């Protein structure tokens, strides 16, 4: 396995060996884009023909553009670490771990029928657009939203098994199986099919896709006010004291109602708005 650093010593041409510390990348290369590079890296395929790069570390503040056509496609089968504060346009697939840091703006493009990344760690304080534009697609298994920035998740992202949010803003147009919110604010515009668990987290459920189940711990807010369409909560849910359910329009149909843990009282919820003329039964969990 070879390692090479982008130095940009003579130009922006990524196919020129003189711009790399150890010649341009080959299949299996580890690639590092130096913050001290003389010239910015130009658009194009890092491997000059869709070959596999094992890892990429990028911490420069200028624009990184790998191109968006099939001819420019950069395939990463290993890890990507984006740590700059510039703007990144990157097409990728088969990434094991994608880590996003810094305060930049990142446009991460997917490939039809291919996995973008198995695991995404988002520590960004800027903006991440993950397969957000209509023509983009992508698959990811687990997403960890840790930074204070904003993550836009496109509706063509599929097989989102687990989302964990600790901070910042998440705007998701993709269906999610399990959503764990422990800080920050989320706008969910597609169904949560298995479970939502919230603690000190605000979930705006702006979709008519069914919400399977939920656990609202202290500080959690389930807000149904951002859509006018009816929505079904199929497995009920559990609401703790100091949590909130906001449904003043009465959008929700509760298949089995919701419950509270033993010893918790409905009067100690921060807010409970279930719509005009609606009656519900609350039982011990």
C-alpha atoms as a PDB file:
ATOM      1  CA  UNK A   1       0.000   0.000   0.000  1.00  0.00           C
ATOM      2  CA  UNK A   2       1.323   3.439  -0.924  1.00  0.00           C
ATOM      3  CA  UNK A   3       0.781   6.800   0.726  1.00  0.00           C
ATOM      4  CA  UNK A   4       0.984  10.148  -1.012  1.00  0.00           C
ATOM      5  CA  UNK A   5       0.308  13.776  -0.080  1.00  0.00           C
ATOM      6  CA  UNK A   6      -1.113  16.472  -2.336  1.00  0.00           C
ATOM      7  CA  UNK A   7       1.453  19.262  -2.320  1.00  0.00           C
ATOM      8  CA  UNK A   8       0.222  21.222  -5.336  1.00  0.00           C
ATOM      9  CA  UNK A   9       3.763  22.242  -6.063  1.00  0.00           C
ATOM     10  CA  UNK A  10       3.339  23.184  -9.717  1.00  0.00           C
ATOM     11  CA  UNK A  11      -0.387  23.415 -10.582  1.00  0.00           C
ATOM     12  CA  UNK A  12      -3.921  22.268  -9.764  1.00  0.00           C
ATOM     13  CA  UNK A  13      -3.592  19.211 -12.035  1.00  0.00           C
ATOM     14  CA  UNK A  14      -4.182  16.103  -9.924  1.00  0.00           C
ATOM     15  CA  UNK A  15      -2.911  13.822 -12.700  1.00  0.00           C
ATOM     16  CA  UNK A  16       0.541  15.456 -12.580  1.00  0.00           C
ATOM     17  CA  UNK A  17       2.910  13.389 -10.441  1.00  0.00           C
ATOM     18  CA  UNK A  18       4.873  16.536  -9.589  1.00  0.00           C
ATOM     19  CA  UNK A  19       1.947  17.749  -7.501  1.00  0.00           C
ATOM     20  CA  UNK A  20       2.180  14.738  -5.196  1.00  0.00           C
ATOM     21  CA  UNK A  21       4.784  13.783  -2.619  1.00  0.00           C
ATOM     22  CA  UNK A  22       4.888  10.188  -3.866  1.00  0.00           C
ATOM     23  CA  UNK A  23       3.336  10.442  -7.334  1.00  0.00           C
ATOM     24  CA  UNK A  24      -0.408  10.469  -7.937  1.00  0.00           C
ATOM     25  CA  UNK A  25      -2.563   7.890  -6.142  1.00  0.00           C
ATOM     26  CA  UNK A  26      -2.858   4.337  -7.357  1.00  0.00           C
ATOM     27  CA  UNK A  27      -5.214   1.550  -6.360  1.00  0.00           C
ATOM     28  CA  UNK A  28      -5.015   1.146  -2.597  1.00  0.00           C
ATOM     29  CA  UNK A  29      -3.320   4.478  -1.895  1.00  0.00           C
ATOM     30  CA  UNK A  30      -3.724   6.481   1.295  1.00  0.00           C
ATOM     31  CA  UNK A  31      -4.215  10.111   0.260  1.00  0.00           C
ATOM     32  CA  UNK A  32      -3.568  13.204   2.392  1.00  0.00           C
ATOM     33  CA  UNK A  33      -4.388  16.706   1.167  1.00  0.00           C
ATOM     34  CA  UNK A  34      -1.941  19.037   2.879  1.00  0.00           C
ATOM     35  CA  UNK A  35      -3.059  22.279   4.455  1.00  0.00           C
ATOM     36  CA  UNK A  36       0.232  23.746   3.233  1.00  0.00           C
ATOM     37  CA  UNK A  37      -0.305  22.937  -0.440  1.00  0.00           C
ATOM     38  CA  UNK A  38       0.824  25.623  -2.889  1.00  0.00           C
ATOM     39  CA  UNK A  39      -2.064  25.100  -5.332  1.00  0.00           C
ATOM     40  CA  UNK A  40      -5.608  23.914  -4.680  1.00  0.00           C
ATOM     41  CA  UNK A  41      -6.482  20.453  -5.899  1.00  0.00           C
ATOM     42  CA  UNK A  42      -8.332  20.619  -9.205  1.00  0.00           C
ATOM     43  CA  UNK A  43     -11.406  18.634 -10.207  1.00  0.00           C
ATOM     44  CA  UNK A  44     -11.060  15.160 -11.611  1.00  0.00           C
ATOM     45  CA  UNK A  45     -10.497  11.589 -10.605  1.00  0.00           C
ATOM     46  CA  UNK A  46      -7.814  11.216  -7.961  1.00  0.00           C
ATOM     47  CA  UNK A  47      -6.935   7.858  -9.448  1.00  0.00           C
ATOM     48  CA  UNK A  48      -7.415   8.786 -13.096  1.00  0.00           C
ATOM     49  CA  UNK A  49     -10.078   6.227 -13.871  1.00  0.00           C
ATOM     50  CA  UNK A  50     -12.330   5.158 -11.010  1.00  0.00           C
ATOM     51  CA  UNK A  51      -9.736   3.137  -9.109  1.00  0.00           C
ATOM     52  CA  UNK A  52     -10.002   2.517  -5.393  1.00  0.00           C
ATOM     53  CA  UNK A  53      -8.389   4.804  -2.846  1.00  0.00           C
ATOM     54  CA  UNK A  54      -8.036   3.321   0.625  1.00  0.00           C
ATOM     55  CA  UNK A  55      -8.289   6.546   2.610  1.00  0.00           C
ATOM     56  CA  UNK A  56      -8.480  10.317   2.194  1.00  0.00           C
ATOM     57  CA  UNK A  57      -7.685  13.003   4.760  1.00  0.00           C
ATOM     58  CA  UNK A  58      -8.532  16.579   3.757  1.00  0.00           C
ATOM     59  CA  UNK A  59      -7.948  19.592   6.006  1.00  0.00           C
ATOM     60  CA  UNK A  60      -7.506  22.474   3.577  1.00  0.00           C
ATOM     61  CA  UNK A  61      -9.763  25.543   3.486  1.00  0.00           C
ATOM     62  CA  UNK A  62     -10.131  25.852  -0.260  1.00  0.00           C
ATOM     63  CA  UNK A  63     -12.538  23.975  -2.530  1.00  0.00           C
ATOM     64  CA  UNK A  64     -12.079  20.268  -3.139  1.00  0.00           C
ATOM     65  CA  UNK A  65     -14.028  19.103  -6.186  1.00  0.00           C
ATOM     66  CA  UNK A  66     -13.686  15.508  -7.332  1.00  0.00           C
ATOM     67  CA  UNK A  67     -16.096  16.059 -10.195  1.00  0.00           C
ATOM     68  CA  UNK A  68     -19.654  14.840 -10.607  1.00  0.00           C
ATOM     69  CA  UNK A  69     -19.646  12.882 -13.860  1.00  0.00           C
ATOM     70  CA  UNK A  70     -19.043   9.153 -14.141  1.00  0.00           C
ATOM     71  CA  UNK A  71     -15.643   9.870 -15.686  1.00  0.00           C
ATOM     72  CA  UNK A  72     -14.626  11.893 -12.635  1.00  0.00           C
ATOM     73  CA  UNK A  73     -15.948   9.430 -10.076  1.00  0.00           C
ATOM     74  CA  UNK A  74     -13.681   8.854  -7.102  1.00  0.00           C
ATOM     75  CA  UNK A  75     -14.240   5.523  -5.393  1.00  0.00           C
ATOM     76  CA  UNK A  76     -13.157   5.125  -1.795  1.00  0.00           C
ATOM     77  CA  UNK A  77     -13.301   1.696  -0.193  1.00  0.00           C
ATOM     78  CA  UNK A  78     -11.742   2.804   3.079  1.00  0.00           C
ATOM     79  CA  UNK A  79     -12.025   5.935   5.203  1.00  0.00           C
ATOM     80  CA  UNK A  80     -12.581   9.621   4.454  1.00  0.00           C
ATOM     81  CA  UNK A  81     -11.822  12.394   6.946  1.00  0.00           C
ATOM     82  CA  UNK A  82     -12.996  15.863   5.895  1.00  0.00           C
ATOM     83  CA  UNK A  83     -11.632  18.446   8.312  1.00  0.00           C
ATOM     84  CA  UNK A  84     -11.324  21.699   6.356  1.00  0.00           C
ATOM     85  CA  UNK A  85     -13.416  24.848   6.421  1.00  0.00           C
ATOM     86  CA  UNK A  86     -13.688  25.245   2.669  1.00  0.00           C
ATOM     87  CA  UNK A  87     -16.225  23.720   0.266  1.00  0.00           C
ATOM     88  CA  UNK A  88     -16.128  20.062  -0.728  1.00  0.00           C
ATOM     89  CA  UNK A  89     -17.893  18.441  -3.670  1.00  0.00           C
ATOM     90  CA  UNK A  90     -17.292  14.710  -3.602  1.00  0.00           C
ATOM     91  CA  UNK A  91     -18.753  11.661  -5.257  1.00  0.00           C
ATOM     92  CA  UNK A  92     -18.100   8.508  -3.304  1.00  0.00           C
ATOM     93  CA  UNK A  93     -19.089   4.928  -2.765  1.00  0.00           C
ATOM     94  CA  UNK A  94     -18.168   1.962  -0.553  1.00  0.00           C
ATOM     95  CA  UNK A  95     -16.668   4.130   2.186  1.00  0.00           C
ATOM     96  CA  UNK A  96     -16.247   2.273   5.463  1.00  0.00           C
ATOM     97  CA  UNK A  97     -16.194   5.345   7.734  1.00  0.00           C
ATOM     98  CA  UNK A  98     -16.849   8.958   6.716  1.00  0.00           C
ATOM     99  CA  UNK A  99     -15.851  11.557   9.339  1.00  0.00           C
ATOM    100  CA  UNK A 100     -16.802  15.204   8.772  1.00  0.00           C
ATOM    101  CA  UNK A 101     -15.223  17.922  10.900  1.00  0.00           C
ATOM    102  CA  UNK A 102     -14.413  21.620  10.548  1.00  0.00           C
ATOM    103  CA  UNK A 103     -16.739  24.427   9.588  1.00  0.00           C
ATOM    104  CA  UNK A 104     -16.959  23.969   5.845  1.00  0.00           C
ATOM    105  CA  UNK A 105     -19.781  23.261   3.415  1.00  0.00           C
ATOM    106  CA  UNK A 106     -19.844  19.683   2.170  1.00  0.00           C
ATOM    107  CA  UNK A 107     -21.776  18.323  -0.804  1.00  0.00           C
ATOM    108  CA  UNK A 108     -21.512  14.551  -0.657  1.00  0.00           C
ATOM    109  CA  UNK A 109     -22.836  12.820  -3.736  1.00  0.00           C
ATOM    110  CA  UNK A 110     -23.944   9.244  -4.110  1.00  0.00           C
ATOM    111  CA  UNK A 111     -23.947   6.721  -6.942  1.00  0.00           C
ATOM    112  CA  UNK A 112     -27.076   4.906  -8.074  1.00  0.00           C
ATOM    113  CA  UNK A 113     -27.357   1.468  -6.515  1.00  0.00           C
ATOM    114  CA  UNK A 114     -24.184   1.870  -4.435  1.00  0.00           C
ATOM    115  CA  UNK A 115     -23.478   2.356  -0.740  1.00  0.00           C
ATOM    116  CA  UNK A 116     -22.072   5.781   0.052  1.00  0.00           C
ATOM    117  CA  UNK A 117     -20.797   4.938   3.530  1.00  0.00           C
ATOM    118  CA  UNK A 118     -21.357   2.298   6.158  1.00  0.00           C
ATOM    119  CA  UNK A 119     -20.911   4.699   9.073  1.00  0.00           C
ATOM    120  CA  UNK A 120     -20.988   8.515   9.075  1.00  0.00           C
ATOM    121  CA  UNK A 121     -19.631  10.597  11.965  1.00  0.00           C
ATOM    122  CA  UNK A 122     -20.695  14.237  11.567  1.00  0.00           C
ATOM    123  CA  UNK A 123     -18.821  16.637  13.870  1.00  0.00           C
ATOM    124  CA  UNK A 124     -19.181  19.530  11.414  1.00  0.00           C
ATOM    125  CA  UNK A 125     -19.952  23.040  12.643  1.00  0.00           C
ATOM    126  CA  UNK A 126     -20.840  24.086   9.099  1.00  0.00           C
ATOM    127  CA  UNK A 127     -23.190  22.487   6.575  1.00  0.00           C
ATOM    128  CA  UNK A 128     -23.369  18.944   5.239  1.00  0.00           C
ATOM    129  CA  UNK A 129     -25.572  18.083   2.257  1.00  0.00           C
ATOM    130  CA  UNK A 130     -25.721  14.308   2.117  1.00  0.00           C
ATOM    131  CA  UNK A 131     -27.243  13.155  -1.184  1.00  0.00           C
ATOM    132  CA  UNK A 132     -29.669  16.063  -0.849  1.00  0.00           C
ATOM    133  CA  UNK A 133     -30.168  17.173  -4.432  1.00  0.00           C
ATOM    134  CA  UNK A 134     -32.779  15.252  -6.509  1.00  0.00           C
ATOM    135  CA  UNK A 135     -30.336  13.425  -8.785  1.00  0.00           C
ATOM    136  CA  UNK A 136     -28.239  12.063  -5.941  1.00  0.00           C
ATOM    137  CA  UNK A 137     -28.648   8.745  -4.184  1.00  0.00           C
ATOM    138  CA  UNK A 138     -26.883   6.958  -1.390  1.00  0.00           C
ATOM    139  CA  UNK A 139     -27.077   4.285   1.259  1.00  0.00           C
ATOM    140  CA  UNK A 140     -25.770   4.493   4.796  1.00  0.00           C
ATOM    141  CA  UNK A 141     -26.253   2.120   7.717  1.00  0.00           C
ATOM    142  CA  UNK A 142     -25.496   4.325  10.729  1.00  0.00           C
ATOM    143  CA  UNK A 143     -25.343   8.109  11.058  1.00  0.00           C
ATOM    144  CA  UNK A 144     -24.005   9.932  14.130  1.00  0.00           C
ATOM    145  CA  UNK A 145     -24.876  13.648  14.179  1.00  0.00           C
ATOM    146  CA  UNK A 146     -22.513  15.051  16.817  1.00  0.00           C
ATOM    147  CA  UNK A 147     -21.583  18.559  15.652  1.00  0.00           C
ATOM    148  CA  UNK A 148     -23.419  21.858  16.033  1.00  0.00           C
ATOM    149  CA  UNK A 149     -23.802  22.379  12.274  1.00  0.00           C
ATOM    150  CA  UNK A 150     -26.695  21.521   9.949  1.00  0.00           C
ATOM    151  CA  UNK A 151     -27.053  18.214   8.122  1.00  0.00           C
ATOM    152  CA  UNK A 152     -29.445  17.917   5.175  1.00  0.00           C
ATOM    153  CA  UNK A 153     -30.259  14.307   4.389  1.00  0.00           C
ATOM    154  CA  UNK A 154     -31.776  13.669   0.964  1.00  0.00           C
ATOM    155  CA  UNK A 155     -34.922  11.672   0.315  1.00  0.00           C
ATOM    156  CA  UNK A 156     -33.005   9.264  -1.919  1.00  0.00           C
ATOM    157  CA  UNK A 157     -30.797   8.043   0.929  1.00  0.00           C
ATOM    158  CA  UNK A 158     -31.922   4.521   1.763  1.00  0.00           C
ATOM    159  CA  UNK A 159     -31.528   1.846   4.441  1.00  0.00           C
ATOM    160  CA  UNK A 160     -30.894   4.234   7.275  1.00  0.00           C
ATOM    161  CA  UNK A 161     -30.857   1.703  10.102  1.00  0.00           C
ATOM    162  CA  UNK A 162     -29.783   3.962  12.945  1.00  0.00           C
ATOM    163  CA  UNK A 163     -29.532   7.735  13.428  1.00  0.00           C
ATOM    164  CA  UNK A 164     -28.016   9.132  16.625  1.00  0.00           C
ATOM    165  CA  UNK A 165     -28.205  12.904  17.145  1.00  0.00           C
ATOM    166  CA  UNK A 166     -26.474  14.741  19.961  1.00  0.00           C
ATOM    167  CA  UNK A 167     -26.321  18.333  18.712  1.00  0.00           C
ATOM    168  CA  UNK A 168     -27.044  20.707  15.845  1.00  0.00           C
ATOM    169  CA  UNK A 169     -29.834  20.519  13.284  1.00  0.00           C
ATOM    170  CA  UNK A 170     -30.841  17.518  11.205  1.00  0.00           C
ATOM    171  CA  UNK A 171     -33.233  17.966   8.273  1.00  0.00           C
ATOM    172  CA  UNK A 172     -34.070  14.498   6.973  1.00  0.00           C
ATOM    173  CA  UNK A 173     -36.188  13.581   3.970  1.00  0.00           C
ATOM    174  CA  UNK A 174     -35.222   9.913   4.330  1.00  0.00           C
ATOM    175  CA  UNK A 175     -37.043   7.177   6.170  1.00  0.00           C
ATOM    176  CA  UNK A 176     -35.231   6.028   9.301  1.00  0.00           C
ATOM    177  CA  UNK A 177     -35.630   2.801  11.231  1.00  0.00           C
ATOM    178  CA  UNK A 178     -34.327   3.806  14.670  1.00  0.00           C
ATOM    179  CA  UNK A 179     -33.802   7.441  15.680  1.00  0.00           C
ATOM    180  CA  UNK A 180     -32.063   8.279  18.964  1.00  0.00           C
ATOM    181  CA  UNK A 181     -32.116  11.988  19.769  1.00  0.00           C
ATOM    182  CA  UNK A 182     -30.087  13.185  22.766  1.00  0.00           C
ATOM    183  CA  UNK A 183     -29.713  16.862  21.917  1.00  0.00           C
ATOM    184  CA  UNK A 184     -30.352  19.230  19.044  1.00  0.00           C
ATOM    185  CA  UNK A 185     -33.354  19.669  16.750  1.00  0.00           C
ATOM    186  CA  UNK A 186     -34.571  17.447  13.917  1.00  0.00           C
ATOM    187  CA  UNK A 187     -37.087  17.893  11.118  1.00  0.00           C
ATOM    188  CA  UNK A 188     -38.132  14.414  10.017  1.00  0.00           C
ATOM    189  CA  UNK A 189     -39.941  14.424   6.670  1.00  0.00           C
ATOM    190  CA  UNK A 190     -40.316  10.641   6.218  1.00  0.00           C
ATOM    191  CA  UNK A 191     -41.389   7.770   8.433  1.00  0.00           C
ATOM    192  CA  UNK A 192     -39.592   6.414  11.495  1.00  0.00           C
ATOM    193  CA  UNK A 193     -40.373   2.738  11.096  1.00  0.00           C
ATOM    194  CA  UNK A 194     -39.154   1.175  14.352  1.00  0.00           C
ATOM    195  CA  UNK A 195     -38.502   3.521  17.286  1.00  0.00           C
ATOM    196  CA  UNK A 196     -37.844   7.125  18.235  1.00  0.00           C
ATOM    197  CA  UNK A 197     -36.139   7.741  21.578  1.00  0.00           C
ATOM    198  CA  UNK A 198     -35.682  11.338  22.683  1.00  0.00           C
ATOM    199  CA  UNK A 199     -34.037  13.045  25.648  1.00  0.00           C
ATOM    200  CA  UNK A 200     -33.473  16.814  25.594  1.00  0.00           C
ATOM    201  CA  UNK A 201     -34.226  16.577  21.892  1.00  0.00           C
ATOM    202  CA  UNK A 202     -36.818  18.262  19.690  1.00  0.00           C
ATOM    203  CA  UNK A 203     -38.367  16.195  16.897  1.00  0.00           C
ATOM    204  CA  UNK A 204     -40.557  17.979  14.337  1.00  0.00           C
ATOM    205  CA  UNK A 205     -42.447  15.132  12.687  1.00  0.00           C
ATOM    206  CA  UNK A 206     -43.330  16.810   9.381  1.00  0.00           C
ATOM    207  CA  UNK A 207     -44.626  13.823   7.436  1.00  0.00           C
ATOM    208  CA  UNK A 208     -47.677  11.609   7.066  1.00  0.00           C
ATOM    209  CA  UNK A 209     -45.466   8.537   7.303  1.00  0.00           C
ATOM    210  CA  UNK A 210     -46.377   6.394  10.297  1.00  0.00           C
ATOM    211  CA  UNK A 211     -44.396   6.744  13.522  1.00  0.00           C
ATOM    212  CA  UNK A 212     -44.004   3.221  14.838  1.00  0.00           C
ATOM    213  CA  UNK A 213     -43.177   3.822  18.493  1.00  0.00           C
ATOM    214  CA  UNK A 214     -41.485   6.322  20.791  1.00  0.00           C
ATOM    215  CA  UNK A 215     -39.987   6.890  24.208  1.00  0.00           C
ATOM    216  CA  UNK A 216     -39.991  10.543  25.285  1.00  0.00           C
ATOM    217  CA  UNK A 217     -37.616  11.026  28.180  1.00  0.00           C
ATOM    218  CA  UNK A 218     -37.196  14.261  30.135  1.00  0.00           C
ATOM    219  CA  UNK A 219     -36.688  17.259  27.879  1.00  0.00           C
ATOM    220  CA  UNK A 220     -37.910  15.516  24.723  1.00  0.00           C
ATOM    221  CA  UNK A 221     -40.439  17.220  22.450  1.00  0.00           C
ATOM    222  CA  UNK A 222     -42.551  15.405  19.853  1.00  0.00           C
ATOM    223  CA  UNK A 223     -43.880  18.234  17.696  1.00  0.00           C
ATOM    224  CA  UNK A 224     -46.574  17.401  15.128  1.00  0.00           C
ATOM    225  CA  UNK A 225     -47.379  20.991  14.178  1.00  0.00           C
ATOM    226  CA  UNK A 226     -45.217  21.249  11.034  1.00  0.00           C
ATOM    227  CA  UNK A 227     -47.569  19.273   8.772  1.00  0.00           C
ATOM    228  CA  UNK A 228     -51.335  19.270   8.300  1.00  0.00           C
ATOM    229  CA  UNK A 229     -51.683  15.686   7.057  1.00  0.00           C
ATOM    230  CA  UNK A 230     -52.974  12.923   9.298  1.00  0.00           C
ATOM    231  CA  UNK A 231     -50.370  10.623  10.809  1.00  0.00           C
ATOM    232  CA  UNK A 232     -50.671   7.278  12.596  1.00  0.00           C
ATOM    233  CA  UNK A 233     -48.687   6.293  15.674  1.00  0.00           C
ATOM    234  CA  UNK A 234     -48.903   2.546  15.345  1.00  0.00           C
ATOM    235  CA  UNK A 235     -47.463   1.155  18.579  1.00  0.00           C
ATOM    236  CA  UNK A 236     -48.365   3.883  21.013  1.00  0.00           C
ATOM    237  CA  UNK A 237     -45.427   5.192  22.970  1.00  0.00           C
ATOM    238  CA  UNK A 238     -44.126   6.101  26.408  1.00  0.00           C
ATOM    239  CA  UNK A 239     -43.985   9.679  27.662  1.00  0.00           C
ATOM    240  CA  UNK A 240     -42.001  10.585  30.787  1.00  0.00           C
ATOM    241  CA  UNK A 241     -42.496  13.564  33.024  1.00  0.00           C
ATOM    242  CA  UNK A 242     -40.996  16.817  31.667  1.00  0.00           C
ATOM    243  CA  UNK A 243     -41.528  15.647  28.075  1.00  0.00           C
ATOM    244  CA  UNK A 244     -43.900  17.278  25.569  1.00  0.00           C
ATOM    245  CA  UNK A 245     -46.346  16.146  22.897  1.00  0.00           C
ATOM    246  CA  UNK A 246     -47.545  18.993  20.675  1.00  0.00           C
ATOM    247  CA  UNK A 247     -50.476  18.118  18.418  1.00  0.00           C
ATOM    248  CA  UNK A 248     -52.971  20.999  18.704  1.00  0.00           C
ATOM    249  CA  UNK A 249     -54.472  20.118  15.297  1.00  0.00           C
ATOM    250  CA  UNK A 250     -55.228  16.551  16.332  1.00  0.00           C
ATOM    251  CA  UNK A 251     -53.238  15.086  13.401  1.00  0.00           C
ATOM    252  CA  UNK A 252     -52.324  11.865  15.158  1.00  0.00           C
ATOM    253  CA  UNK A 253     -54.305   8.663  15.254  1.00  0.00           C
ATOM    254  CA  UNK A 254     -53.077   6.629  18.224  1.00  0.00           C
ATOM    255  CA  UNK A 255     -53.545   2.943  17.448  1.00  0.00           C
ATOM    256  CA  UNK A 256     -53.037   1.828  21.056  1.00  0.00           C
ATOM    257  CA  UNK A 257     -52.687   5.117  22.925  1.00  0.00           C
ATOM    258  CA  UNK A 258     -49.581   6.109  24.867  1.00  0.00           C
ATOM    259  CA  UNK A 259     -48.488   5.334  28.405  1.00  0.00           C
ATOM    260  CA  UNK A 260     -46.365   6.742  31.220  1.00  0.00           C
ATOM    261  CA  UNK A 261     -43.907   4.901  33.470  1.00  0.00           C
ATOM    262  CA  UNK A 262     -45.096   3.888  36.916  1.00  0.00           C
ATOM    263  CA  UNK A 263     -44.903   6.831  39.288  1.00  0.00           C
ATOM    264  CA  UNK A 264     -44.978   9.465  36.538  1.00  0.00           C
ATOM    265  CA  UNK A 265     -47.939  11.830  36.356  1.00  0.00           C
ATOM    266  CA  UNK A 266     -49.433  13.365  33.250  1.00  0.00           C
ATOM    267  CA  UNK A 267     -49.679  16.698  35.055  1.00  0.00           C
ATOM    268  CA  UNK A 268     -45.887  16.795  35.241  1.00  0.00           C
ATOM    269  CA  UNK A 269     -45.425  16.712  31.494  1.00  0.00           C
ATOM    270  CA  UNK A 270     -44.069  20.020  30.198  1.00  0.00           C
ATOM    271  CA  UNK A 271     -46.797  20.247  27.554  1.00  0.00           C
ATOM    272  CA  UNK A 272     -49.559  17.981  26.248  1.00  0.00           C
ATOM    273  CA  UNK A 273     -51.692  19.138  23.313  1.00  0.00           C
ATOM    274  CA  UNK A 274     -53.772  16.420  21.688  1.00  0.00           C
ATOM    275  CA  UNK A 275     -56.201  18.407  19.572  1.00  0.00           C
ATOM    276  CA  UNK A 276     -59.728  19.709  20.128  1.00  0.00           C
ATOM    277  CA  UNK A 277     -62.348  17.234  21.319  1.00  0.00           C
ATOM    278  CA  UNK A 278     -59.910  14.317  21.526  1.00  0.00           C
ATOM    279  CA  UNK A 279     -59.897  11.847  24.418  1.00  0.00           C
ATOM    280  CA  UNK A 280     -57.152   9.351  25.259  1.00  0.00           C
ATOM    281  CA  UNK A 281     -56.484   6.755  27.916  1.00  0.00           C
ATOM    282  CA  UNK A 282     -53.171   6.927  29.782  1.00  0.00           C
ATOM    283  CA  UNK A 283     -52.074   3.763  31.615  1.00  0.00           C
ATOM    284  CA  UNK A 284     -48.981   2.680  33.558  1.00  0.00           C
ATOM    285  CA  UNK A 285     -46.220   1.223  31.418  1.00  0.00           C
END
